[in-house]
Amino acid sequence: MPEGDTVWRTAHHLHQALAGTELTVTDFRVPKFATVSLVGETVDEVVARGKHILVRTPEHTVHSHLKMEGAWHLYRHGSRWIRPDYQARAVLETSGWQAVGFDLGIVQVLRRTEEDRAVGHLGPDLLGPDWDADEAVRRLAAQPDAEVITALIEQRNLAGLGNEYVNELCFLRGYHPQRRVADCDLPATVALAHRLIHANRDRVERTTTGDMRQGRRKWVYGREGRPCLRCGTRIRFTKLGRNELELRNTFWCPRCQPAVSPRPG
């Protein structure tokens, strides 16, 4: 599933293309909204809210979520789509652009006044104007016995972190992924998450190590069995989550992220 920085860039590019222009074609290829037309409405803005994208007109919001396979593409009129037509779930056209949402996990057309139905549950947005580090810490602290990796990826706590970021954050903070939230330095963790996602916001190739060379951009994520870039220990892998339906790939270095923190002295 795309991380919050990828979603932010997608919304930013859609905003650059669509904001201030009138919709000439709207085609929602999902049954509930198939007959809805926003033709004639002007796009006010396109914004990201965590991993959600909101295309706003004065009266309506087109709400989408990329889920695992989704993407928004921008095309000039007459250009051939890169992905097949049958994957399109939403098409928004202006005089200058076609914005096509492929394989979107969620497509909704809401009244602007109903946006909270879609995104009101989200915690503070790491890349949004509402970012509130203290509130993010408060929400995490309310789950003291939760595994830290599970609490960090919960969008109700703070919005925008995906599986890659939470794995990398645990490594950078030296937390075993199953460490209790109560045993973590939450202000420092939240501050690092904010710095890390902002550092990657404007670039396609993400790095959490500061090294852009192939194979050295991530500390642990996707590196099962390979040597830790810090200590050389083999990276381990498991699946963790609140339940069977939410299990996510989890990577850690057993030396840099010990299961039990060493006692002082």
Protein backbone atom coordinates (compact mmCIF):
# COMPACT_ATOMS: atom_id res chain seq x y z
CA MET A 1 0.00 0.00 0.00
CA PRO A 2 1.44 3.43 -0.92
CA GLU A 3 2.93 5.47 1.90
CA GLY A 4 1.62 8.90 2.85
CA ASP A 5 4.37 10.72 0.96
CA THR A 6 3.38 8.97 -2.29
CA VAL A 7 -0.25 9.93 -1.74
CA TRP A 8 0.78 13.52 -0.97
CA ARG A 9 2.73 13.78 -4.24
CA THR A 10 -0.21 12.33 -6.16
CA ALA A 11 -2.58 14.90 -4.70
CA HIS A 12 -0.05 17.68 -5.33
CA HIS A 13 0.25 16.78 -9.03
CA LEU A 14 -3.53 16.52 -9.41
CA HIS A 15 -3.90 19.92 -7.76
CA GLN A 16 -1.40 21.50 -10.13
CA ALA A 17 -3.32 20.15 -13.12
CA LEU A 18 -6.94 20.56 -12.01
CA ALA A 19 -7.25 23.36 -9.47
CA GLY A 20 -9.14 26.40 -10.75
CA THR A 21 -10.44 24.62 -13.84
CA GLU A 22 -13.94 23.46 -14.80
CA LEU A 23 -14.78 19.77 -15.07
CA THR A 24 -15.93 18.92 -18.60
CA VAL A 25 -16.30 15.16 -18.10
CA THR A 26 -16.77 13.07 -14.94
CA ASP A 27 -17.05 9.31 -15.19
CA PHE A 28 -17.32 7.28 -11.99
CA ARG A 29 -17.08 3.58 -12.83
CA VAL A 30 -18.45 2.23 -9.58
CA PRO A 31 -22.13 1.26 -9.30
CA LYS A 32 -23.17 3.60 -6.50
CA PHE A 33 -21.91 6.74 -8.26
CA ALA A 34 -22.15 5.71 -11.90
CA THR A 35 -24.90 8.26 -12.65
CA VAL A 36 -23.33 11.16 -10.74
CA SER A 37 -22.14 14.11 -12.85
CA LEU A 38 -19.98 17.00 -11.63
CA VAL A 39 -19.70 18.54 -15.10
CA GLY A 40 -19.62 22.32 -14.87
CA GLU A 41 -18.21 22.39 -11.34
CA THR A 42 -14.82 23.99 -10.77
CA VAL A 43 -12.10 22.17 -8.86
CA ASP A 44 -11.15 24.22 -5.82
CA GLU A 45 -8.25 22.05 -4.72
CA VAL A 46 -6.90 18.54 -4.44
CA VAL A 47 -5.49 17.56 -1.07
CA ALA A 48 -4.19 14.48 0.67
CA ARG A 49 -5.50 13.46 4.08
CA GLY A 50 -3.26 10.71 5.33
CA LYS A 51 -3.55 8.08 2.59
CA HIS A 52 -6.80 9.53 1.20
CA ILE A 53 -7.14 11.93 -1.74
CA LEU A 54 -9.85 14.59 -1.80
CA VAL A 55 -10.75 16.42 -5.02
CA ARG A 56 -12.87 19.34 -3.88
CA THR A 57 -15.34 21.48 -5.77
CA PRO A 58 -17.51 24.10 -4.03
CA GLU A 59 -20.29 21.55 -3.46
CA HIS A 60 -18.70 18.11 -3.69
CA THR A 61 -15.68 16.01 -2.77
CA VAL A 62 -14.41 13.12 -4.84
CA HIS A 63 -12.86 10.85 -2.22
CA SER A 64 -10.46 8.10 -3.24
CA HIS A 65 -8.03 5.71 -1.61
CA LEU A 66 -5.31 3.93 -3.56
CA LYS A 67 -5.27 0.80 -1.37
CA MET A 68 -2.74 -1.72 -2.76
CA GLU A 69 -2.85 -1.28 -6.53
CA GLY A 70 -4.43 2.12 -7.12
CA ALA A 71 -2.93 5.10 -8.91
CA TRP A 72 -3.99 8.41 -10.43
CA HIS A 73 -2.47 9.28 -13.83
CA LEU A 74 -2.57 12.57 -15.70
CA TYR A 75 -2.86 12.57 -19.49
CA ARG A 76 -3.10 15.22 -22.15
CA HIS A 77 -6.13 14.79 -24.38
CA GLY A 78 -5.45 12.25 -27.11
CA SER A 79 -2.69 10.49 -25.17
CA ARG A 80 -2.87 6.75 -24.75
CA TRP A 81 -3.45 5.47 -21.24
CA ILE A 82 -0.63 3.42 -19.80
CA ARG A 83 -2.98 1.07 -17.98
CA PRO A 84 -5.97 -0.73 -19.55
CA ASP A 85 -9.35 0.96 -19.74
CA TYR A 86 -11.07 -1.72 -17.65
CA GLN A 87 -8.93 -0.75 -14.63
CA ALA A 88 -10.22 2.83 -14.64
CA ARG A 89 -12.51 3.64 -11.72
CA ALA A 90 -12.78 7.41 -12.07
CA VAL A 91 -12.13 9.86 -14.90
CA LEU A 92 -12.07 13.63 -14.37
CA GLU A 93 -11.52 15.83 -17.41
CA THR A 94 -10.89 19.53 -17.88
CA SER A 95 -10.03 21.46 -21.02
CA GLY A 96 -6.37 20.64 -20.49
CA TRP A 97 -6.15 17.30 -18.72
CA GLN A 98 -7.58 13.85 -18.15
CA ALA A 99 -7.11 12.57 -14.60
CA VAL A 100 -7.69 8.82 -14.49
CA GLY A 101 -7.88 6.82 -11.28
CA PHE A 102 -6.94 3.18 -11.88
CA ASP A 103 -7.79 0.30 -9.53
CA LEU A 104 -8.78 2.69 -6.77
CA GLY A 105 -9.70 0.86 -3.58
CA ILE A 106 -12.31 3.49 -2.69
CA VAL A 107 -14.22 5.92 -4.91
CA GLN A 108 -16.93 8.13 -3.42
CA VAL A 109 -18.67 11.35 -4.37
CA LEU A 110 -19.68 13.21 -1.21
CA ARG A 111 -21.10 16.57 -0.35
CA ARG A 112 -18.34 18.82 0.96
CA THR A 113 -20.19 18.92 4.26
CA GLU A 114 -19.97 15.10 4.50
CA GLU A 115 -16.18 14.73 4.24
CA ASP A 116 -15.90 13.63 7.84
CA ARG A 117 -17.73 10.45 6.90
CA ALA A 118 -14.65 9.48 4.90
CA VAL A 119 -11.70 10.92 6.81
CA GLY A 120 -12.99 12.17 10.15
CA HIS A 121 -11.62 9.13 11.96
CA LEU A 122 -8.01 9.86 11.02
CA GLY A 123 -5.42 11.06 13.47
CA PRO A 124 -3.14 14.07 12.89
CA ASP A 125 -1.76 14.10 9.35
CA LEU A 126 2.04 13.98 9.24
CA LEU A 127 2.04 15.95 5.96
CA GLY A 128 -1.03 18.05 6.59
CA PRO A 129 -1.72 21.54 7.92
CA ASP A 130 -3.43 19.99 10.95
CA TRP A 131 -0.30 18.20 12.17
CA ASP A 132 -0.30 18.06 15.96
CA ALA A 133 2.55 16.08 17.46
CA ASP A 134 1.14 16.27 20.99
CA GLU A 135 -2.18 14.80 19.84
CA ALA A 136 -0.38 12.00 18.00
CA VAL A 137 1.56 11.17 21.17
CA ARG A 138 -1.64 11.25 23.21
CA ARG A 139 -3.38 8.81 20.88
CA LEU A 140 -0.45 6.41 20.88
CA ALA A 141 -0.11 6.58 24.66
CA ALA A 142 -3.76 5.58 25.02
CA GLN A 143 -2.72 2.08 23.81
CA PRO A 144 0.11 1.29 26.25
CA ASP A 145 0.05 -2.48 25.76
CA ALA A 146 -0.12 -2.44 21.95
CA GLU A 147 2.87 -3.53 19.89
CA VAL A 148 4.63 -0.37 18.76
CA ILE A 149 4.68 -1.33 15.07
CA THR A 150 0.93 -1.96 15.13
CA ALA A 151 0.18 1.30 16.92
CA LEU A 152 2.31 3.36 14.53
CA ILE A 153 0.56 2.06 11.43
CA GLU A 154 -2.91 2.66 12.89
CA GLN A 155 -4.21 5.68 10.95
CA ARG A 156 -6.43 6.72 13.84
CA ASN A 157 -3.28 7.50 15.82
CA LEU A 158 -1.35 9.41 13.17
CA ALA A 159 -2.15 9.47 9.48
CA GLY A 160 0.31 8.77 6.69
CA LEU A 161 2.65 6.01 7.86
CA GLY A 162 2.69 2.78 5.88
CA ASN A 163 4.40 -0.52 6.47
CA GLU A 164 7.76 0.58 5.11
CA TYR A 165 7.97 3.62 7.36
CA VAL A 166 6.91 1.85 10.55
CA ASN A 167 9.50 -0.89 10.02
CA GLU A 168 12.21 1.68 9.41
CA LEU A 169 11.13 3.80 12.37
CA CYS A 170 11.38 0.83 14.71
CA PHE A 171 14.91 0.17 13.49
CA LEU A 172 15.99 3.80 13.80
CA ARG A 173 14.65 3.99 17.34
CA GLY A 174 16.07 0.58 18.30
CA TYR A 175 12.66 -0.91 19.07
CA HIS A 176 11.85 -4.53 18.56
CA PRO A 177 8.58 -4.41 16.57
CA GLN A 178 6.72 -6.11 19.44
CA ARG A 179 7.87 -3.70 22.12
CA ARG A 180 5.00 -2.26 24.13
CA VAL A 181 4.03 1.30 23.33
CA ALA A 182 4.40 2.15 27.02
CA ASP A 183 8.10 1.24 26.81
CA CYS A 184 8.85 3.60 23.91
CA ASP A 185 9.85 7.25 23.81
CA LEU A 186 6.74 8.45 22.02
CA PRO A 187 7.63 12.16 21.56
CA ALA A 188 10.98 11.22 20.00
CA THR A 189 9.35 8.56 17.81
CA VAL A 190 6.64 10.91 16.54
CA ALA A 191 9.19 13.66 15.88
CA LEU A 192 11.35 11.24 13.88
CA ALA A 193 8.35 10.04 11.86
CA HIS A 194 7.56 13.64 10.97
CA ARG A 195 11.14 14.41 9.90
CA LEU A 196 11.48 11.19 7.93
CA ILE A 197 8.32 11.49 5.86
CA HIS A 198 8.97 15.18 5.16
CA ALA A 199 12.50 14.37 3.99
CA ASN A 200 11.04 12.01 1.38
CA ARG A 201 7.94 13.98 0.43
CA ASP A 202 9.29 15.53 -2.75
CA ARG A 203 11.24 12.61 -4.19
CA VAL A 204 10.07 9.43 -5.87
CA GLU A 205 12.92 7.23 -4.62
CA ARG A 206 12.48 7.00 -0.86
CA THR A 207 15.40 6.57 1.50
CA THR A 208 15.51 6.16 5.26
CA THR A 209 19.28 5.66 5.41
CA GLY A 210 20.27 8.83 3.59
CA ASP A 211 21.99 6.67 0.95
CA MET A 212 20.37 6.67 -2.51
CA ARG A 213 22.41 3.74 -3.85
CA GLN A 214 20.48 0.64 -4.91
CA GLY A 215 20.18 -1.81 -2.02
CA ARG A 216 21.17 0.73 0.60
CA ARG A 217 18.08 2.96 0.80
CA LYS A 218 16.39 1.02 3.61
CA TRP A 219 17.68 -0.35 6.87
CA VAL A 220 15.46 -3.42 7.26
CA TYR A 221 12.32 -3.26 5.11
CA GLY A 222 12.37 -5.94 2.41
CA ARG A 223 15.85 -7.09 3.48
CA GLU A 224 15.07 -10.48 5.06
CA GLY A 225 18.20 -12.62 5.36
CA ARG A 226 20.51 -9.84 4.25
CA PRO A 227 23.13 -8.32 6.56
CA CYS A 228 22.14 -5.32 8.64
CA LEU A 229 23.72 -2.19 7.17
CA ARG A 230 24.77 -1.14 10.66
CA CYS A 231 26.03 -4.32 12.37
CA GLY A 232 26.00 -7.11 9.78
CA THR A 233 23.49 -9.34 11.60
CA ARG A 234 20.98 -11.08 9.31
CA ILE A 235 17.65 -9.30 9.08
CA ARG A 236 14.71 -11.34 10.31
CA PHE A 237 11.13 -11.47 9.06
CA THR A 238 7.69 -12.27 10.44
CA LYS A 239 4.11 -11.05 10.13
CA LEU A 240 2.50 -8.96 12.86
CA GLY A 241 -0.89 -7.32 13.28
CA ARG A 242 -3.87 -6.94 15.57
CA ASN A 243 -5.57 -9.95 13.98
CA GLU A 244 -5.22 -12.43 11.10
CA LEU A 245 -6.72 -9.99 8.61
CA GLU A 246 -4.24 -7.23 9.47
CA LEU A 247 -0.98 -9.16 9.41
CA ARG A 248 1.80 -7.15 7.79
CA ASN A 249 5.34 -7.98 6.72
CA THR A 250 7.70 -7.10 9.55
CA PHE A 251 11.49 -6.89 9.41
CA TRP A 252 14.02 -6.27 12.16
CA CYS A 253 17.65 -6.67 13.17
CA PRO A 254 17.85 -8.87 16.28
CA ARG A 255 21.01 -7.12 17.45
CA CYS A 256 20.03 -3.50 16.82
CA GLN A 257 16.44 -4.14 17.93
CA PRO A 258 16.67 -6.59 20.83
CA ALA A 259 13.49 -8.20 22.09
CA VAL A 260 14.36 -7.23 25.65
CA SER A 261 16.15 -3.95 26.32
CA PRO A 262 19.42 -4.47 28.19
CA ARG A 263 19.36 -3.44 31.84
CA PRO A 264 21.30 -0.33 32.80
CA GLY A 265 24.86 -1.03 33.93
